[in-house]
Structures are given as C-alpha cells and as structure tokens.
Amino acid sequence: MSEEFCINAGRPNAVIRIACCELESFYLADLAAVEQGLGITGIAKRQTHQKFRTPDRLGSPSQELKKLTKGQYQKINGSRAIGLHLDTENTRSHSFKMLVEALRRINVEE
C-alpha cells in the first residue's frame, strides 16, 4: 500500500522506514559519539557491556541513556549533539544499520 503512495507521488524509488524504537538505541550503539557529543569521558569503555552491544533490545533506551549520562542527555539538544558524531559504519544497532543502508541506496539511485 505505501509503495503505491510513493509511485503516485512520482517517487517510485522511495524507501520507506518506520522508526518503531527510540532513536536513543542508535546512540547507545555508539558510546564514543555520546562522549564526543555531550563532552563526557569514560562512557565509551562501556560499549563492551552486553546491553550496549545490542541496544535495540533495551526496553527504554532513552531512560538508559539518561542514567548513563547522569541526566546530561536531553532528547532534542542531546540528539543534535550526538548525531554529529555517529559512526555510520556502526552495526551494533540493527535498526541504525538498516536506516543507513536505505539512505545510501537512495543516494546512489538519485
């Protein structure tokens, strides 16, 4: 059905992605970006912990990120700051990996 909307809108090559989880799982998959974006040290070394190796499985990534950063993370400003440093080659978050791949396909097709 959604592909039909894209075709009717003149965008037959559009890629449809629906974010079902919180974007914070992307950030928890790249704790080095969290460190850089928020200016916090000592967080990246936790990347080897089980919950940060597969952050898409966490129930509330935003709460986990707030706890990890001792309240320094705020949704809008934190996302803007961290997003600048995200590693697009990072595959710890499957949903992030799928988003990046879709964006790359769009870029190649246009």
N, C-alpha and C. Protein backbone atom coordinates (compact mmCIF):
# COMPACT_ATOMS: atom_id res chain seq x y z
N MET A 1 0.83 -1.19 0.00
CA MET A 1 0.00 0.00 0.00
C MET A 1 0.87 1.25 0.00
N SER A 2 1.87 1.33 0.88
CA SER A 2 2.71 2.53 0.96
C SER A 2 3.56 2.71 -0.29
N GLU A 3 3.95 1.60 -0.93
CA GLU A 3 4.70 1.71 -2.17
C GLU A 3 3.85 2.37 -3.25
N GLU A 4 2.55 2.07 -3.23
CA GLU A 4 1.63 2.68 -4.18
C GLU A 4 1.57 4.20 -4.01
N PHE A 5 1.58 4.65 -2.75
CA PHE A 5 1.60 6.10 -2.48
C PHE A 5 2.85 6.74 -3.06
N CYS A 6 3.96 6.06 -2.92
CA CYS A 6 5.22 6.60 -3.44
C CYS A 6 5.18 6.70 -4.97
N ILE A 7 4.66 5.68 -5.60
CA ILE A 7 4.56 5.68 -7.06
C ILE A 7 3.64 6.81 -7.52
N ASN A 8 2.50 6.94 -6.86
CA ASN A 8 1.55 8.00 -7.21
C ASN A 8 2.12 9.40 -6.97
N ALA A 9 3.04 9.51 -6.04
CA ALA A 9 3.66 10.80 -5.74
C ALA A 9 4.85 11.08 -6.65
N GLY A 10 5.11 10.17 -7.59
CA GLY A 10 6.22 10.37 -8.51
C GLY A 10 7.57 10.00 -7.91
N ARG A 11 7.56 9.23 -6.83
CA ARG A 11 8.79 8.80 -6.16
C ARG A 11 8.85 7.27 -6.08
N PRO A 12 8.91 6.59 -7.22
CA PRO A 12 8.88 5.12 -7.21
C PRO A 12 10.09 4.49 -6.54
N ASN A 13 11.19 5.22 -6.42
CA ASN A 13 12.39 4.67 -5.79
C ASN A 13 12.49 4.99 -4.31
N ALA A 14 11.46 5.58 -3.75
CA ALA A 14 11.49 5.94 -2.32
C ALA A 14 11.63 4.69 -1.46
N VAL A 15 12.32 4.85 -0.36
CA VAL A 15 12.48 3.77 0.61
C VAL A 15 11.70 4.16 1.85
N ILE A 16 10.90 3.24 2.33
CA ILE A 16 10.05 3.52 3.48
C ILE A 16 10.63 2.84 4.71
N ARG A 17 10.85 3.63 5.75
CA ARG A 17 11.34 3.12 7.03
C ARG A 17 10.50 3.74 8.12
N ILE A 18 10.09 2.92 9.06
CA ILE A 18 9.31 3.41 10.18
C ILE A 18 10.12 3.17 11.45
N ALA A 19 10.38 4.22 12.20
CA ALA A 19 11.12 4.10 13.45
C ALA A 19 10.18 3.59 14.53
N CYS A 20 10.36 2.36 14.92
CA CYS A 20 9.48 1.76 15.93
C CYS A 20 10.08 1.89 17.33
N CYS A 21 11.36 2.05 17.39
CA CYS A 21 12.04 2.15 18.68
C CYS A 21 12.54 3.57 18.88
N GLU A 22 13.01 3.83 20.03
CA GLU A 22 13.57 5.14 20.31
C GLU A 22 14.91 5.30 19.61
N LEU A 23 15.16 6.50 19.11
CA LEU A 23 16.43 6.78 18.44
C LEU A 23 17.61 6.61 19.39
N GLU A 24 17.36 6.69 20.67
CA GLU A 24 18.44 6.56 21.64
C GLU A 24 19.17 5.22 21.54
N SER A 25 18.51 4.21 20.97
CA SER A 25 19.22 2.94 20.78
C SER A 25 20.37 3.13 19.79
N PHE A 26 20.22 4.06 18.83
CA PHE A 26 21.32 4.37 17.91
C PHE A 26 22.50 4.93 18.69
N TYR A 27 22.21 5.79 19.64
CA TYR A 27 23.26 6.45 20.42
C TYR A 27 23.95 5.46 21.36
N LEU A 28 23.17 4.58 21.95
CA LEU A 28 23.75 3.58 22.86
C LEU A 28 24.63 2.59 22.11
N ALA A 29 24.42 2.47 20.82
CA ALA A 29 25.26 1.61 19.99
C ALA A 29 26.59 2.27 19.66
N ASP A 30 26.71 3.56 19.94
CA ASP A 30 27.92 4.31 19.62
C ASP A 30 28.26 5.25 20.78
N LEU A 31 28.74 4.65 21.86
CA LEU A 31 29.02 5.43 23.06
C LEU A 31 30.17 6.42 22.88
N ALA A 32 31.02 6.18 21.89
CA ALA A 32 32.07 7.16 21.58
C ALA A 32 31.42 8.45 21.09
N ALA A 33 30.35 8.34 20.30
CA ALA A 33 29.63 9.52 19.82
C ALA A 33 28.95 10.24 20.98
N VAL A 34 28.45 9.49 21.94
CA VAL A 34 27.83 10.09 23.12
C VAL A 34 28.87 10.90 23.89
N GLU A 35 30.04 10.31 24.07
CA GLU A 35 31.14 11.01 24.75
C GLU A 35 31.48 12.31 24.03
N GLN A 36 31.67 12.23 22.73
CA GLN A 36 32.05 13.41 21.95
C GLN A 36 30.95 14.46 21.95
N GLY A 37 29.73 14.03 21.71
CA GLY A 37 28.63 14.96 21.59
C GLY A 37 28.30 15.68 22.88
N LEU A 38 28.37 14.95 23.99
CA LEU A 38 28.00 15.54 25.27
C LEU A 38 29.20 15.98 26.10
N GLY A 39 30.39 15.72 25.60
CA GLY A 39 31.59 16.13 26.33
C GLY A 39 31.78 15.38 27.64
N ILE A 40 31.42 14.10 27.64
CA ILE A 40 31.55 13.26 28.84
C ILE A 40 32.64 12.22 28.57
N THR A 41 33.47 11.97 29.55
CA THR A 41 34.51 10.96 29.37
C THR A 41 34.17 9.71 30.17
N GLY A 42 34.72 8.59 29.70
CA GLY A 42 34.57 7.33 30.43
C GLY A 42 33.37 6.49 30.06
N ILE A 43 32.56 6.95 29.12
CA ILE A 43 31.36 6.20 28.74
C ILE A 43 31.68 5.16 27.66
N ALA A 44 32.52 5.50 26.70
CA ALA A 44 32.79 4.62 25.56
C ALA A 44 33.33 3.26 25.99
N LYS A 45 34.04 3.22 27.10
CA LYS A 45 34.60 1.94 27.55
C LYS A 45 33.52 0.94 27.95
N ARG A 46 32.30 1.41 28.14
CA ARG A 46 31.19 0.52 28.50
C ARG A 46 30.57 -0.17 27.27
N GLN A 47 31.04 0.16 26.09
CA GLN A 47 30.47 -0.40 24.87
C GLN A 47 30.52 -1.92 24.84
N THR A 48 31.45 -2.51 25.57
CA THR A 48 31.57 -3.97 25.58
C THR A 48 30.52 -4.64 26.46
N HIS A 49 29.80 -3.89 27.28
CA HIS A 49 28.75 -4.47 28.12
C HIS A 49 27.63 -5.00 27.23
N GLN A 50 27.06 -6.11 27.62
CA GLN A 50 26.04 -6.78 26.82
C GLN A 50 24.93 -5.85 26.32
N LYS A 51 24.37 -5.04 27.19
CA LYS A 51 23.23 -4.22 26.77
C LYS A 51 23.60 -3.16 25.75
N PHE A 52 24.86 -2.77 25.69
CA PHE A 52 25.28 -1.77 24.71
C PHE A 52 25.79 -2.40 23.42
N ARG A 53 25.95 -3.72 23.42
CA ARG A 53 26.32 -4.42 22.18
C ARG A 53 25.10 -4.64 21.30
N THR A 54 23.92 -4.75 21.91
CA THR A 54 22.67 -4.93 21.15
C THR A 54 21.59 -4.02 21.75
N PRO A 55 21.74 -2.71 21.60
CA PRO A 55 20.85 -1.77 22.27
C PRO A 55 19.40 -1.76 21.77
N ASP A 56 19.15 -2.32 20.58
CA ASP A 56 17.78 -2.37 20.08
C ASP A 56 16.88 -3.23 20.97
N ARG A 57 17.48 -4.05 21.79
CA ARG A 57 16.72 -4.95 22.67
C ARG A 57 16.31 -4.28 24.00
N LEU A 58 16.82 -3.11 24.26
CA LEU A 58 16.51 -2.44 25.53
C LEU A 58 15.07 -1.94 25.53
N GLY A 59 14.44 -2.01 26.68
CA GLY A 59 13.06 -1.58 26.81
C GLY A 59 12.88 -0.08 26.72
N SER A 60 13.79 0.67 27.32
CA SER A 60 13.69 2.14 27.31
C SER A 60 15.08 2.75 27.10
N PRO A 61 15.53 2.80 25.85
CA PRO A 61 16.86 3.35 25.57
C PRO A 61 17.04 4.78 26.08
N SER A 62 15.99 5.61 26.01
CA SER A 62 16.14 7.00 26.46
C SER A 62 16.41 7.06 27.95
N GLN A 63 15.74 6.23 28.73
CA GLN A 63 15.99 6.20 30.17
C GLN A 63 17.39 5.66 30.47
N GLU A 64 17.80 4.67 29.71
CA GLU A 64 19.15 4.11 29.88
C GLU A 64 20.20 5.16 29.56
N LEU A 65 19.98 5.95 28.52
CA LEU A 65 20.94 6.99 28.15
C LEU A 65 20.97 8.11 29.19
N LYS A 66 19.83 8.48 29.71
CA LYS A 66 19.80 9.50 30.77
C LYS A 66 20.55 9.02 32.00
N LYS A 67 20.35 7.74 32.35
CA LYS A 67 21.04 7.17 33.51
C LYS A 67 22.55 7.11 33.27
N LEU A 68 22.93 6.66 32.09
CA LEU A 68 24.34 6.53 31.74
C LEU A 68 25.06 7.88 31.77
N THR A 69 24.36 8.94 31.35
CA THR A 69 24.97 10.27 31.29
C THR A 69 24.68 11.11 32.53
N LYS A 70 24.12 10.45 33.54
CA LYS A 70 23.77 11.13 34.81
C LYS A 70 22.91 12.37 34.55
N GLY A 71 21.93 12.20 33.66
CA GLY A 71 20.97 13.27 33.39
C GLY A 71 21.42 14.33 32.41
N GLN A 72 22.62 14.21 31.87
CA GLN A 72 23.09 15.24 30.92
C GLN A 72 22.41 15.13 29.57
N TYR A 73 21.97 13.93 29.20
CA TYR A 73 21.32 13.76 27.90
C TYR A 73 19.90 14.33 27.96
N GLN A 74 19.58 15.18 27.02
CA GLN A 74 18.23 15.71 26.81
C GLN A 74 17.86 15.39 25.36
N LYS A 75 16.62 14.97 25.14
CA LYS A 75 16.22 14.44 23.83
C LYS A 75 16.60 15.32 22.64
N ILE A 76 16.21 16.56 22.62
CA ILE A 76 16.43 17.38 21.42
C ILE A 76 17.88 17.83 21.31
N ASN A 77 18.38 18.54 22.30
CA ASN A 77 19.76 19.03 22.23
C ASN A 77 20.77 17.89 22.25
N GLY A 78 20.50 16.87 23.02
CA GLY A 78 21.41 15.72 23.07
C GLY A 78 21.47 15.01 21.73
N SER A 79 20.31 14.84 21.10
CA SER A 79 20.28 14.19 19.79
C SER A 79 21.04 14.99 18.75
N ARG A 80 20.88 16.30 18.78
CA ARG A 80 21.61 17.14 17.83
C ARG A 80 23.12 17.04 18.05
N ALA A 81 23.53 17.02 19.30
CA ALA A 81 24.97 16.97 19.61
C ALA A 81 25.57 15.60 19.29
N ILE A 82 24.88 14.55 19.64
CA ILE A 82 25.40 13.19 19.43
C ILE A 82 25.35 12.82 17.95
N GLY A 83 24.28 13.20 17.28
CA GLY A 83 24.10 12.84 15.87
C GLY A 83 25.25 13.26 14.98
N LEU A 84 25.89 14.36 15.30
CA LEU A 84 27.03 14.84 14.51
C LEU A 84 28.21 13.88 14.55
N HIS A 85 28.26 13.00 15.55
CA HIS A 85 29.42 12.14 15.75
C HIS A 85 29.14 10.66 15.50
N LEU A 86 27.90 10.31 15.13
CA LEU A 86 27.58 8.90 14.92
C LEU A 86 28.41 8.30 13.80
N ASP A 87 28.91 7.11 14.03
CA ASP A 87 29.69 6.37 13.05
C ASP A 87 28.73 5.59 12.16
N THR A 88 28.62 5.96 10.90
CA THR A 88 27.68 5.30 10.00
C THR A 88 28.07 3.87 9.66
N GLU A 89 29.27 3.47 10.04
CA GLU A 89 29.71 2.09 9.83
C GLU A 89 29.38 1.20 11.03
N ASN A 90 28.83 1.79 12.07
CA ASN A 90 28.49 1.07 13.30
C ASN A 90 27.33 0.12 13.02
N THR A 91 27.49 -1.15 13.40
CA THR A 91 26.44 -2.14 13.14
C THR A 91 25.85 -2.74 14.42
N ARG A 92 26.15 -2.15 15.57
CA ARG A 92 25.61 -2.70 16.82
C ARG A 92 24.10 -2.55 16.92
N SER A 93 23.55 -1.51 16.33
CA SER A 93 22.10 -1.33 16.29
C SER A 93 21.63 -1.75 14.90
N HIS A 94 20.89 -2.84 14.85
CA HIS A 94 20.40 -3.34 13.56
C HIS A 94 19.52 -2.30 12.88
N SER A 95 18.68 -1.63 13.64
CA SER A 95 17.79 -0.63 13.05
C SER A 95 18.59 0.54 12.47
N PHE A 96 19.66 0.95 13.13
CA PHE A 96 20.51 2.02 12.60
C PHE A 96 21.19 1.56 11.31
N LYS A 97 21.68 0.34 11.32
CA LYS A 97 22.32 -0.23 10.14
C LYS A 97 21.36 -0.23 8.94
N MET A 98 20.11 -0.63 9.17
CA MET A 98 19.11 -0.67 8.09
C MET A 98 18.79 0.74 7.58
N LEU A 99 18.72 1.70 8.48
CA LEU A 99 18.47 3.09 8.09
C LEU A 99 19.60 3.62 7.23
N VAL A 100 20.83 3.40 7.65
CA VAL A 100 22.00 3.88 6.89
C VAL A 100 22.04 3.24 5.51
N GLU A 101 21.78 1.94 5.45
CA GLU A 101 21.78 1.25 4.15
C GLU A 101 20.70 1.81 3.22
N ALA A 102 19.52 2.09 3.77
CA ALA A 102 18.45 2.66 2.96
C ALA A 102 18.83 4.04 2.44
N LEU A 103 19.42 4.87 3.29
CA LEU A 103 19.84 6.20 2.87
C LEU A 103 20.91 6.13 1.79
N ARG A 104 21.80 5.18 1.92
CA ARG A 104 22.86 5.02 0.89
C ARG A 104 22.25 4.59 -0.45
N ARG A 105 21.25 3.71 -0.40
CA ARG A 105 20.60 3.28 -1.64
C ARG A 105 19.90 4.46 -2.31
N ILE A 106 19.24 5.28 -1.54
CA ILE A 106 18.56 6.45 -2.09
C ILE A 106 19.58 7.37 -2.75
N ASN A 107 20.69 7.60 -2.09
CA ASN A 107 21.73 8.49 -2.59
C ASN A 107 22.30 7.97 -3.91
N VAL A 108 22.47 6.66 -4.04
CA VAL A 108 23.03 6.06 -5.24
C VAL A 108 22.03 6.16 -6.39
N GLU A 109 20.75 5.96 -6.08
CA GLU A 109 19.72 5.96 -7.11
C GLU A 109 19.41 7.35 -7.64
N GLU A 110 19.64 8.36 -6.87
CA GLU A 110 19.30 9.72 -7.32
C GLU A 110 20.38 10.35 -8.07
